[in-house]
Amino acid sequence: MGKYRIGILKGDDIGLEVVPVAVDVLKEAIGRYPGIHVEWVELPIGYPSYLATGETLPEATLKALFELDGWILGPIGHMAYPQNDPKAINPHPILRRKFDLVSNIRPTRSFKKLPCLHQDVDIVIIRENNEGFQPDRNMFKGMGEFMPTPDIAMSVSNYPQKFSNGRQTCF
């Protein structure tokens, strides 16, 4: 069926716990199909990466992501990132922009045999990732979102608007 190179990016906090389990589940599932071969490539990102390399998103990691067939990304964006270090950024907005990651898909379902607040829940929430503003700590590092002072956050954008006469304006 094919050969694939899949990146493993554990991220921060709970990602360090859930990503290895997700990889184990995928390995078990893939193992049922002898024609699929996966090379797993672990890459540094997030706070563990900062402690090891001095960067939360090393250039080598970003470059490697472009060369992979896919990747598994754990939660990133740690409150322990140093506030005044330009190498301690939240990688999410950069990944969203560079890879045009259009949406977050969050399925939610209740199961009758498990205790939960509400029964008969089966919904999917789709959050659009690329339009509008991504409020995060990268704001005072550029990208049209910035903090001129610690008390003021500003977002600037350029949304083209087409009019019926074919002219285009931005505001």
C-alpha atoms as a PDB file:
ATOM      1  CA  MET A   1       0.000   0.000   0.000  1.00  0.00           C
ATOM      2  CA  GLY A   2       2.839   2.388   0.638  1.00  0.00           C
ATOM      3  CA  LYS A   3       5.685   3.821   2.641  1.00  0.00           C
ATOM      4  CA  TYR A   4       5.152   6.881   4.784  1.00  0.00           C
ATOM      5  CA  ARG A   5       7.232   9.156   7.004  1.00  0.00           C
ATOM      6  CA  ILE A   6       5.197  10.452   9.937  1.00  0.00           C
ATOM      7  CA  GLY A   7       6.458  13.048  12.412  1.00  0.00           C
ATOM      8  CA  ILE A   8       5.922  12.759  16.144  1.00  0.00           C
ATOM      9  CA  LEU A   9       5.756  16.092  17.966  1.00  0.00           C
ATOM     10  CA  LYS A  10       4.874  15.462  21.611  1.00  0.00           C
ATOM     11  CA  GLY A  11       4.497  19.120  22.528  1.00  0.00           C
ATOM     12  CA  ASP A  12       3.899  20.237  26.105  1.00  0.00           C
ATOM     13  CA  ASP A  13       2.071  19.109  29.222  1.00  0.00           C
ATOM     14  CA  ILE A  14      -0.500  16.397  28.436  1.00  0.00           C
ATOM     15  CA  GLY A  15       0.949  15.982  24.935  1.00  0.00           C
ATOM     16  CA  LEU A  16       3.903  14.203  26.547  1.00  0.00           C
ATOM     17  CA  GLU A  17       1.430  11.591  27.795  1.00  0.00           C
ATOM     18  CA  VAL A  18      -1.152  11.315  25.020  1.00  0.00           C
ATOM     19  CA  VAL A  19       1.002  11.472  21.891  1.00  0.00           C
ATOM     20  CA  PRO A  20       3.020   8.306  22.684  1.00  0.00           C
ATOM     21  CA  VAL A  21      -0.264   6.460  23.351  1.00  0.00           C
ATOM     22  CA  ALA A  22      -1.738   7.754  20.073  1.00  0.00           C
ATOM     23  CA  VAL A  23       1.387   6.543  18.256  1.00  0.00           C
ATOM     24  CA  ASP A  24       1.076   3.114  19.909  1.00  0.00           C
ATOM     25  CA  VAL A  25      -2.569   2.890  18.775  1.00  0.00           C
ATOM     26  CA  LEU A  26      -1.603   3.866  15.233  1.00  0.00           C
ATOM     27  CA  LYS A  27       1.245   1.356  15.171  1.00  0.00           C
ATOM     28  CA  GLU A  28      -1.153  -1.375  16.264  1.00  0.00           C
ATOM     29  CA  ALA A  29      -3.695  -0.396  13.601  1.00  0.00           C
ATOM     30  CA  ILE A  30      -1.054  -0.132  10.874  1.00  0.00           C
ATOM     31  CA  GLY A  31       0.361  -3.494  11.908  1.00  0.00           C
ATOM     32  CA  ARG A  32      -2.859  -5.113  10.696  1.00  0.00           C
ATOM     33  CA  TYR A  33      -2.057  -4.043   7.131  1.00  0.00           C
ATOM     34  CA  PRO A  34       1.210  -5.623   5.984  1.00  0.00           C
ATOM     35  CA  GLY A  35       1.471  -3.390   2.899  1.00  0.00           C
ATOM     36  CA  ILE A  36       1.835  -0.186   4.944  1.00  0.00           C
ATOM     37  CA  HIS A  37       5.274   0.780   6.234  1.00  0.00           C
ATOM     38  CA  VAL A  38       5.783   3.829   8.448  1.00  0.00           C
ATOM     39  CA  GLU A  39       9.005   5.488   9.457  1.00  0.00           C
ATOM     40  CA  TRP A  40       8.325   7.421  12.668  1.00  0.00           C
ATOM     41  CA  VAL A  41      10.346  10.635  12.995  1.00  0.00           C
ATOM     42  CA  GLU A  42      10.421  12.257  16.440  1.00  0.00           C
ATOM     43  CA  LEU A  43      10.960  16.020  16.298  1.00  0.00           C
ATOM     44  CA  PRO A  44      11.505  18.578  19.065  1.00  0.00           C
ATOM     45  CA  ILE A  45       8.843  21.229  19.693  1.00  0.00           C
ATOM     46  CA  GLY A  46       7.473  23.167  22.641  1.00  0.00           C
ATOM     47  CA  TYR A  47       8.904  23.509  26.120  1.00  0.00           C
ATOM     48  CA  PRO A  48      10.960  20.272  26.114  1.00  0.00           C
ATOM     49  CA  SER A  49      12.524  21.540  22.880  1.00  0.00           C
ATOM     50  CA  TYR A  50      13.225  24.905  24.499  1.00  0.00           C
ATOM     51  CA  LEU A  51      15.003  23.199  27.390  1.00  0.00           C
ATOM     52  CA  ALA A  52      17.049  21.022  25.001  1.00  0.00           C
ATOM     53  CA  THR A  53      17.740  23.447  22.118  1.00  0.00           C
ATOM     54  CA  GLY A  54      16.875  26.945  23.355  1.00  0.00           C
ATOM     55  CA  GLU A  55      13.965  27.187  20.855  1.00  0.00           C
ATOM     56  CA  THR A  56      10.322  26.132  21.053  1.00  0.00           C
ATOM     57  CA  LEU A  57      10.202  25.711  17.267  1.00  0.00           C
ATOM     58  CA  PRO A  58      13.674  24.901  15.925  1.00  0.00           C
ATOM     59  CA  GLU A  59      14.245  25.700  12.248  1.00  0.00           C
ATOM     60  CA  ALA A  60      15.283  22.062  11.699  1.00  0.00           C
ATOM     61  CA  THR A  61      11.887  20.889  12.993  1.00  0.00           C
ATOM     62  CA  LEU A  62      10.014  23.302  10.736  1.00  0.00           C
ATOM     63  CA  LYS A  63      12.059  22.220   7.712  1.00  0.00           C
ATOM     64  CA  ALA A  64      11.565  18.510   8.499  1.00  0.00           C
ATOM     65  CA  LEU A  65       7.772  18.950   8.716  1.00  0.00           C
ATOM     66  CA  PHE A  66       7.668  19.980   5.050  1.00  0.00           C
ATOM     67  CA  GLU A  67       9.428  16.729   4.082  1.00  0.00           C
ATOM     68  CA  LEU A  68       7.044  14.377   5.933  1.00  0.00           C
ATOM     69  CA  ASP A  69       3.838  12.726   4.736  1.00  0.00           C
ATOM     70  CA  GLY A  70       2.071  13.768   7.939  1.00  0.00           C
ATOM     71  CA  TRP A  71       2.573  14.362  11.630  1.00  0.00           C
ATOM     72  CA  ILE A  72       1.021  13.906  15.029  1.00  0.00           C
ATOM     73  CA  LEU A  73       1.096  17.093  17.090  1.00  0.00           C
ATOM     74  CA  GLY A  74       0.425  17.234  20.810  1.00  0.00           C
ATOM     75  CA  PRO A  75      -0.758  20.335  22.652  1.00  0.00           C
ATOM     76  CA  ILE A  76       1.777  23.188  22.614  1.00  0.00           C
ATOM     77  CA  GLY A  77       1.899  26.682  24.077  1.00  0.00           C
ATOM     78  CA  HIS A  78       3.264  26.402  27.587  1.00  0.00           C
ATOM     79  CA  MET A  79       2.853  29.055  30.264  1.00  0.00           C
ATOM     80  CA  ALA A  80       6.420  28.337  31.411  1.00  0.00           C
ATOM     81  CA  TYR A  81       7.880  29.775  28.187  1.00  0.00           C
ATOM     82  CA  PRO A  82      10.107  32.712  29.137  1.00  0.00           C
ATOM     83  CA  GLN A  83       8.319  35.990  28.387  1.00  0.00           C
ATOM     84  CA  ASN A  84      11.309  37.930  27.071  1.00  0.00           C
ATOM     85  CA  ASP A  85      12.971  35.335  24.860  1.00  0.00           C
ATOM     86  CA  PRO A  86      12.127  35.641  21.128  1.00  0.00           C
ATOM     87  CA  LYS A  87      12.999  31.933  20.706  1.00  0.00           C
ATOM     88  CA  ALA A  88      10.281  30.970  23.229  1.00  0.00           C
ATOM     89  CA  ILE A  89       7.246  31.428  20.999  1.00  0.00           C
ATOM     90  CA  ASN A  90       3.981  29.549  20.719  1.00  0.00           C
ATOM     91  CA  PRO A  91       4.486  27.420  17.574  1.00  0.00           C
ATOM     92  CA  HIS A  92       0.740  27.062  16.785  1.00  0.00           C
ATOM     93  CA  PRO A  93       0.212  30.243  14.753  1.00  0.00           C
ATOM     94  CA  ILE A  94       3.375  29.612  12.749  1.00  0.00           C
ATOM     95  CA  LEU A  95       2.309  26.037  11.947  1.00  0.00           C
ATOM     96  CA  ARG A  96      -1.210  27.201  11.034  1.00  0.00           C
ATOM     97  CA  ARG A  97       0.107  29.780   8.598  1.00  0.00           C
ATOM     98  CA  LYS A  98       2.990  27.811   7.060  1.00  0.00           C
ATOM     99  CA  PHE A  99       0.911  24.672   6.480  1.00  0.00           C
ATOM    100  CA  ASP A 100      -2.471  26.336   5.882  1.00  0.00           C
ATOM    101  CA  LEU A 101      -4.091  24.268   8.645  1.00  0.00           C
ATOM    102  CA  VAL A 102      -7.650  25.272   7.937  1.00  0.00           C
ATOM    103  CA  SER A 103      -9.656  23.775  10.796  1.00  0.00           C
ATOM    104  CA  ASN A 104      -9.703  22.183  14.212  1.00  0.00           C
ATOM    105  CA  ILE A 105     -12.231  19.358  14.313  1.00  0.00           C
ATOM    106  CA  ARG A 106     -13.494  18.497  17.800  1.00  0.00           C
ATOM    107  CA  PRO A 107     -15.960  15.590  17.957  1.00  0.00           C
ATOM    108  CA  THR A 108     -17.866  15.102  21.220  1.00  0.00           C
ATOM    109  CA  ARG A 109     -20.026  12.141  22.099  1.00  0.00           C
ATOM    110  CA  SER A 110     -21.613  10.734  25.249  1.00  0.00           C
ATOM    111  CA  PHE A 111     -21.647   6.995  25.921  1.00  0.00           C
ATOM    112  CA  LYS A 112     -24.474   5.370  27.882  1.00  0.00           C
ATOM    113  CA  LYS A 113     -22.101   3.185  29.934  1.00  0.00           C
ATOM    114  CA  LEU A 114     -19.933   6.127  31.010  1.00  0.00           C
ATOM    115  CA  PRO A 115     -21.007   8.794  33.498  1.00  0.00           C
ATOM    116  CA  CYS A 116     -21.393  12.188  31.857  1.00  0.00           C
ATOM    117  CA  LEU A 117     -23.230  15.475  32.361  1.00  0.00           C
ATOM    118  CA  HIS A 118     -25.610  14.914  29.423  1.00  0.00           C
ATOM    119  CA  GLN A 119     -26.701  11.786  27.592  1.00  0.00           C
ATOM    120  CA  ASP A 120     -27.388  11.543  23.853  1.00  0.00           C
ATOM    121  CA  VAL A 121     -24.678  14.048  22.899  1.00  0.00           C
ATOM    122  CA  ASP A 122     -23.153  13.609  19.452  1.00  0.00           C
ATOM    123  CA  ILE A 123     -21.752  16.825  18.017  1.00  0.00           C
ATOM    124  CA  VAL A 124     -18.779  17.968  15.983  1.00  0.00           C
ATOM    125  CA  ILE A 125     -17.353  21.446  16.457  1.00  0.00           C
ATOM    126  CA  ILE A 126     -15.294  22.794  13.568  1.00  0.00           C
ATOM    127  CA  ARG A 127     -13.144  25.827  14.369  1.00  0.00           C
ATOM    128  CA  GLU A 128     -11.718  27.744  11.441  1.00  0.00           C
ATOM    129  CA  ASN A 129      -8.001  28.389  12.038  1.00  0.00           C
ATOM    130  CA  ASN A 130      -6.729  30.724   9.345  1.00  0.00           C
ATOM    131  CA  GLU A 131      -9.106  33.671   9.144  1.00  0.00           C
ATOM    132  CA  GLY A 132      -9.483  36.354  11.749  1.00  0.00           C
ATOM    133  CA  PHE A 133      -6.997  36.775  14.518  1.00  0.00           C
ATOM    134  CA  GLN A 134      -5.091  34.258  16.577  1.00  0.00           C
ATOM    135  CA  PRO A 135      -4.621  35.851  20.002  1.00  0.00           C
ATOM    136  CA  ASP A 136      -1.464  34.439  21.498  1.00  0.00           C
ATOM    137  CA  ARG A 137       1.857  35.426  22.970  1.00  0.00           C
ATOM    138  CA  ASN A 138       3.374  35.875  19.510  1.00  0.00           C
ATOM    139  CA  MET A 139       1.428  39.094  19.138  1.00  0.00           C
ATOM    140  CA  PHE A 140       4.256  41.343  20.120  1.00  0.00           C
ATOM    141  CA  LYS A 141       6.572  39.506  17.799  1.00  0.00           C
ATOM    142  CA  GLY A 142       4.785  40.579  14.621  1.00  0.00           C
ATOM    143  CA  MET A 143       2.466  38.964  12.040  1.00  0.00           C
ATOM    144  CA  GLY A 144      -0.070  41.833  12.229  1.00  0.00           C
ATOM    145  CA  GLU A 145      -0.899  41.022  15.827  1.00  0.00           C
ATOM    146  CA  PHE A 146       1.105  42.931  18.385  1.00  0.00           C
ATOM    147  CA  MET A 147       1.256  44.389  21.873  1.00  0.00           C
ATOM    148  CA  PRO A 148       2.720  47.888  21.935  1.00  0.00           C
ATOM    149  CA  THR A 149       2.457  47.819  25.743  1.00  0.00           C
ATOM    150  CA  PRO A 150       1.717  45.001  28.194  1.00  0.00           C
ATOM    151  CA  ASP A 151      -1.832  46.378  28.575  1.00  0.00           C
ATOM    152  CA  ILE A 152      -2.826  46.771  24.911  1.00  0.00           C
ATOM    153  CA  ALA A 153      -3.231  44.017  22.307  1.00  0.00           C
ATOM    154  CA  MET A 154      -3.880  45.032  18.693  1.00  0.00           C
ATOM    155  CA  SER A 155      -4.654  43.056  15.560  1.00  0.00           C
ATOM    156  CA  VAL A 156      -4.376  44.511  12.082  1.00  0.00           C
ATOM    157  CA  SER A 157      -5.627  42.788   8.970  1.00  0.00           C
ATOM    158  CA  ASN A 158      -6.225  43.410   5.314  1.00  0.00           C
ATOM    159  CA  TYR A 159      -9.481  41.866   4.088  1.00  0.00           C
ATOM    160  CA  PRO A 160     -10.113  42.370   0.362  1.00  0.00           C
ATOM    161  CA  GLN A 161     -13.708  43.340  -0.424  1.00  0.00           C
ATOM    162  CA  LYS A 162     -15.072  43.007  -3.966  1.00  0.00           C
ATOM    163  CA  PHE A 163     -17.775  45.378  -5.049  1.00  0.00           C
ATOM    164  CA  SER A 164     -20.421  44.812  -7.735  1.00  0.00           C
ATOM    165  CA  ASN A 165     -18.455  47.025 -10.140  1.00  0.00           C
ATOM    166  CA  GLY A 166     -15.494  44.598  -9.902  1.00  0.00           C
ATOM    167  CA  ARG A 167     -13.299  47.018  -7.938  1.00  0.00           C
ATOM    168  CA  GLN A 168     -11.526  45.672  -4.937  1.00  0.00           C
ATOM    169  CA  THR A 169     -10.803  47.568  -1.759  1.00  0.00           C
ATOM    170  CA  CYS A 170      -9.196  46.727   1.542  1.00  0.00           C
ATOM    171  CA  PHE A 171     -10.169  48.053   4.917  1.00  0.00           C
END
